[in-house]
N, C-alpha and C. Protein backbone atom coordinates (compact mmCIF):
# COMPACT_ATOMS: atom_id res chain seq x y z
N MET A 1 102.65 84.94 99.65
CA MET A 1 102.65 86.31 99.44
C MET A 1 103.63 86.37 98.04
N ASP A 2 103.55 87.40 97.33
CA ASP A 2 104.46 87.20 96.09
C ASP A 2 105.95 88.03 96.65
N ALA A 3 106.85 88.10 95.72
CA ALA A 3 108.22 88.74 95.81
C ALA A 3 108.05 90.16 96.05
N ASP A 4 107.03 90.89 95.63
CA ASP A 4 107.05 92.40 95.70
C ASP A 4 106.74 92.92 97.01
N TYR A 5 107.62 92.90 98.12
CA TYR A 5 107.56 93.36 99.31
C TYR A 5 108.41 94.07 99.92
N GLU A 6 108.41 94.29 101.09
CA GLU A 6 109.60 95.01 101.97
C GLU A 6 109.41 94.53 103.41
N ILE A 7 110.57 94.60 103.99
CA ILE A 7 110.76 94.23 105.52
C ILE A 7 110.35 95.27 106.36
N ASP A 8 109.44 94.71 107.36
CA ASP A 8 108.85 95.63 108.15
C ASP A 8 109.88 95.93 109.37
N CYS A 9 110.33 97.29 109.56
CA CYS A 9 111.23 97.65 110.60
C CYS A 9 110.58 97.61 111.92
N SER A 10 109.33 97.44 112.14
CA SER A 10 108.71 97.67 113.53
C SER A 10 108.94 96.57 114.31
N ASP A 11 109.11 96.71 115.63
CA ASP A 11 109.17 95.50 116.46
C ASP A 11 108.13 94.74 116.82
N ILE A 12 107.10 94.61 115.82
CA ILE A 12 106.01 93.77 116.18
C ILE A 12 105.95 92.36 115.64
N PRO A 13 105.88 91.39 116.63
CA PRO A 13 106.42 89.90 115.98
C PRO A 13 105.17 89.23 115.37
N CYS A 14 105.64 88.18 114.83
CA CYS A 14 104.55 87.25 114.27
C CYS A 14 103.56 87.01 115.44
N GLY A 15 102.07 87.05 115.13
CA GLY A 15 101.18 86.74 116.24
C GLY A 15 101.10 85.27 116.43
N LYS A 16 101.77 84.44 115.68
CA LYS A 16 101.70 82.86 115.76
C LYS A 16 103.03 82.47 116.33
N CYS A 17 103.96 82.62 115.84
CA CYS A 17 105.35 81.87 115.93
C CYS A 17 106.35 82.95 116.66
N ARG A 18 106.13 84.23 116.63
CA ARG A 18 106.65 85.42 117.25
C ARG A 18 108.16 85.67 116.35
N HIS A 19 108.26 85.42 115.05
CA HIS A 19 109.34 85.72 114.24
C HIS A 19 109.42 87.15 114.09
N LEU A 20 110.47 87.73 113.87
CA LEU A 20 110.88 89.17 113.47
C LEU A 20 111.73 88.80 112.41
N PRO A 21 111.87 89.79 111.46
CA PRO A 21 110.58 90.68 111.00
C PRO A 21 109.58 90.23 110.11
N LEU A 22 108.48 90.80 110.27
CA LEU A 22 107.48 90.60 109.21
C LEU A 22 107.69 91.41 107.84
N HIS A 23 107.06 90.77 106.90
CA HIS A 23 107.33 91.34 105.59
C HIS A 23 105.90 92.19 105.14
N PHE A 24 105.82 93.17 104.40
CA PHE A 24 104.86 93.97 104.12
C PHE A 24 104.87 94.34 102.70
N ARG A 25 103.68 94.75 102.23
CA ARG A 25 103.64 95.43 100.76
C ARG A 25 102.46 96.14 100.97
N ARG A 26 102.17 97.28 100.00
CA ARG A 26 101.32 98.25 99.82
C ARG A 26 99.94 97.35 99.39
N CYS A 27 98.83 97.63 99.89
CA CYS A 27 97.67 96.83 99.43
C CYS A 27 97.33 97.05 97.99
N ASN A 28 96.96 96.00 97.31
CA ASN A 28 96.67 95.74 95.93
C ASN A 28 95.10 95.75 95.72
N ALA A 29 94.25 95.99 96.75
CA ALA A 29 93.01 95.85 96.40
C ALA A 29 92.71 96.97 95.35
N ILE A 30 91.70 97.08 94.55
CA ILE A 30 91.31 97.98 93.65
C ILE A 30 90.56 99.15 94.52
N GLY A 31 90.94 100.31 94.35
CA GLY A 31 90.36 101.33 95.02
C GLY A 31 90.79 101.72 96.18
N CYS A 32 91.83 101.04 96.74
CA CYS A 32 92.29 101.20 98.11
C CYS A 32 93.43 102.30 97.95
N ASP A 33 93.03 103.28 98.98
CA ASP A 33 94.28 104.29 98.78
C ASP A 33 94.54 104.52 100.50
N ASP A 34 95.84 104.14 100.79
CA ASP A 34 96.26 104.34 102.15
C ASP A 34 94.90 103.53 103.19
N GLY A 35 94.62 102.57 102.97
CA GLY A 35 93.60 101.75 103.72
C GLY A 35 92.05 102.16 103.74
N PHE A 36 91.82 102.98 102.68
CA PHE A 36 90.46 103.50 102.47
C PHE A 36 89.99 103.58 101.21
N ILE A 37 88.58 103.16 101.07
CA ILE A 37 88.01 103.03 99.52
C ILE A 37 86.98 104.21 99.51
N ASP A 38 87.18 105.02 98.49
CA ASP A 38 86.25 106.20 98.11
C ASP A 38 85.06 105.37 97.69
N GLU A 39 83.76 105.90 98.18
CA GLU A 39 82.65 104.88 97.81
C GLU A 39 81.97 105.43 96.41
N SER A 40 82.54 106.76 96.12
CA SER A 40 82.14 107.09 94.87
C SER A 40 82.40 106.29 93.61
N GLU A 41 83.53 105.29 93.92
CA GLU A 41 84.05 104.54 92.99
C GLU A 41 83.19 103.44 92.64
N TYR A 42 82.55 103.00 93.81
CA TYR A 42 81.48 101.81 93.74
C TYR A 42 79.99 102.25 93.57
N ASP A 43 79.61 103.52 94.04
CA ASP A 43 78.37 103.95 93.91
C ASP A 43 78.46 105.57 93.55
N PRO A 44 78.79 105.93 92.39
CA PRO A 44 78.82 107.33 91.91
C PRO A 44 77.48 108.05 91.97
N VAL A 45 76.34 107.44 92.09
CA VAL A 45 75.09 108.14 92.00
C VAL A 45 74.79 108.54 93.62
N ASN A 46 75.18 107.95 94.45
CA ASN A 46 74.52 108.18 96.03
C ASN A 46 76.02 108.72 96.66
N PHE A 47 77.08 108.79 96.22
CA PHE A 47 78.32 109.58 96.71
C PHE A 47 79.28 110.48 95.82
N ALA A 48 79.32 111.51 96.35
CA ALA A 48 80.33 112.31 95.35
C ALA A 48 81.66 112.14 95.53
N GLU A 49 82.67 112.36 94.85
CA GLU A 49 83.85 112.09 95.00
C GLU A 49 84.64 112.69 96.23
N GLY A 50 85.24 111.92 97.20
CA GLY A 50 85.65 112.13 98.28
C GLY A 50 84.80 112.43 99.63
N GLU A 51 83.45 112.20 99.13
CA GLU A 51 82.53 112.20 100.16
C GLU A 51 82.48 111.37 101.40
N GLU A 52 82.58 110.11 101.02
CA GLU A 52 82.48 109.08 102.10
C GLU A 52 83.63 108.11 101.73
N PHE A 53 84.27 107.72 102.89
CA PHE A 53 85.43 106.81 102.68
C PHE A 53 85.23 105.67 103.75
N THR A 54 85.48 104.32 103.46
CA THR A 54 85.10 103.08 104.13
C THR A 54 86.60 102.37 104.50
N PRO A 55 86.71 101.89 105.27
CA PRO A 55 88.01 101.27 105.26
C PRO A 55 87.94 100.06 104.39
N CYS A 56 89.27 99.69 103.93
CA CYS A 56 89.31 98.82 102.79
C CYS A 56 89.35 97.16 103.81
N ASP A 57 88.63 96.27 103.04
CA ASP A 57 88.14 95.12 103.61
C ASP A 57 89.48 93.96 103.69
N GLU A 58 90.58 94.25 102.73
CA GLU A 58 91.52 93.58 102.41
C GLU A 58 92.92 93.86 103.53
N CYS A 59 92.94 95.24 103.65
CA CYS A 59 94.41 95.58 104.45
C CYS A 59 94.00 96.13 105.66
N PHE A 60 93.04 96.68 105.81
CA PHE A 60 92.62 97.36 107.16
C PHE A 60 93.61 98.47 107.68
N GLY A 61 94.21 99.18 106.81
CA GLY A 61 95.08 100.17 107.05
C GLY A 61 96.13 100.32 106.00
N GLY A 62 96.12 100.08 104.56
CA GLY A 62 97.09 100.42 103.70
C GLY A 62 98.21 99.36 103.50
N VAL A 63 98.58 98.66 104.32
CA VAL A 63 99.40 97.82 104.09
C VAL A 63 99.28 96.11 104.25
N GLN A 64 99.68 95.26 103.78
CA GLN A 64 99.40 93.91 104.02
C GLN A 64 100.71 93.12 104.62
N ARG A 65 100.45 92.61 105.97
CA ARG A 65 101.84 92.11 106.50
C ARG A 65 101.67 90.79 106.79
N TRP A 66 102.78 89.81 106.71
CA TRP A 66 102.65 88.43 106.81
C TRP A 66 103.95 87.99 107.36
N CYS A 67 104.07 86.74 108.00
CA CYS A 67 105.33 86.41 108.51
C CYS A 67 105.92 85.47 107.43
N PRO A 68 107.16 85.54 107.13
CA PRO A 68 107.78 84.78 105.95
C PRO A 68 108.29 83.28 106.60
N LYS A 69 108.21 83.11 107.77
CA LYS A 69 108.61 81.75 108.46
C LYS A 69 107.43 80.66 108.43
N CYS A 70 106.23 81.31 109.25
CA CYS A 70 104.97 80.40 109.22
C CYS A 70 103.77 80.75 108.31
N GLY A 71 103.95 81.95 107.52
CA GLY A 71 102.70 82.25 106.71
C GLY A 71 101.76 83.05 107.31
N TRP A 72 101.62 83.10 108.75
CA TRP A 72 100.56 84.18 109.37
C TRP A 72 100.49 85.51 108.83
N SER A 73 99.28 85.61 108.86
CA SER A 73 99.02 87.06 107.95
C SER A 73 98.26 87.93 109.19
N TRP A 74 98.64 89.26 109.12
CA TRP A 74 98.16 90.36 110.10
C TRP A 74 96.83 90.38 109.72
N ASP A 75 96.77 90.51 108.26
CA ASP A 75 95.36 90.75 107.79
C ASP A 75 94.35 89.80 108.20
N ASP A 76 94.62 88.71 108.17
CA ASP A 76 93.57 87.43 108.59
C ASP A 76 93.31 87.59 109.90
N GLN A 77 94.08 88.18 110.88
CA GLN A 77 93.75 88.55 112.07
C GLN A 77 92.88 89.36 112.26
N GLN A 78 93.22 90.62 111.23
CA GLN A 78 92.28 91.63 111.37
C GLN A 78 90.74 91.48 110.91
N LYS A 79 90.67 90.55 109.91
CA LYS A 79 89.32 90.30 109.54
C LYS A 79 88.85 89.39 110.41
N ALA A 80 89.43 88.26 111.16
CA ALA A 80 88.68 87.55 112.04
C ALA A 80 88.11 88.55 113.48
N ASN A 81 89.08 89.43 113.62
CA ASN A 81 88.56 90.37 114.75
C ASN A 81 87.61 91.17 114.28
N ALA A 82 87.38 91.62 113.04
CA ALA A 82 86.22 92.49 112.61
C ALA A 82 84.92 91.37 112.51
N CYS A 83 85.24 90.15 112.14
CA CYS A 83 84.02 89.43 112.32
C CYS A 83 83.36 88.85 113.74
N GLN A 84 84.46 88.95 114.65
CA GLN A 84 83.80 88.88 116.03
C GLN A 84 83.33 90.11 116.61
N GLU A 85 83.58 91.38 116.26
CA GLU A 85 82.98 92.73 116.33
C GLU A 85 81.30 92.53 115.95
N ASP A 86 81.26 92.02 114.68
CA ASP A 86 79.92 92.16 113.94
C ASP A 86 79.13 91.05 114.79
N ASP A 87 79.77 89.78 115.25
CA ASP A 87 78.95 89.05 115.91
C ASP A 87 78.56 89.45 117.24
N LYS A 88 79.17 90.37 117.81
CA LYS A 88 78.75 90.89 119.25
C LYS A 88 77.41 92.13 119.04
N GLU A 89 77.24 92.55 117.91
CA GLU A 89 76.27 93.54 117.76
C GLU A 89 74.92 92.90 117.48
């Protein structure tokens, strides 16, 4: 990740090496606003502005977290969990 980050003050450790603290930054995905994307940005014909919001596929909640020690990414774990949920359906 790049140097534009902050230190996560929560007590959630790294999912791989248990290191504390994690680093985080605001999601830089185009259209992401606090973890959600306004569908009118991508499909203005079918959606009015503010009508439909979907979770961001990059951050799943507005911030991107990672471990500075081993490189583990909270976002990668969230993506893996989402894929497992899709496979169950």
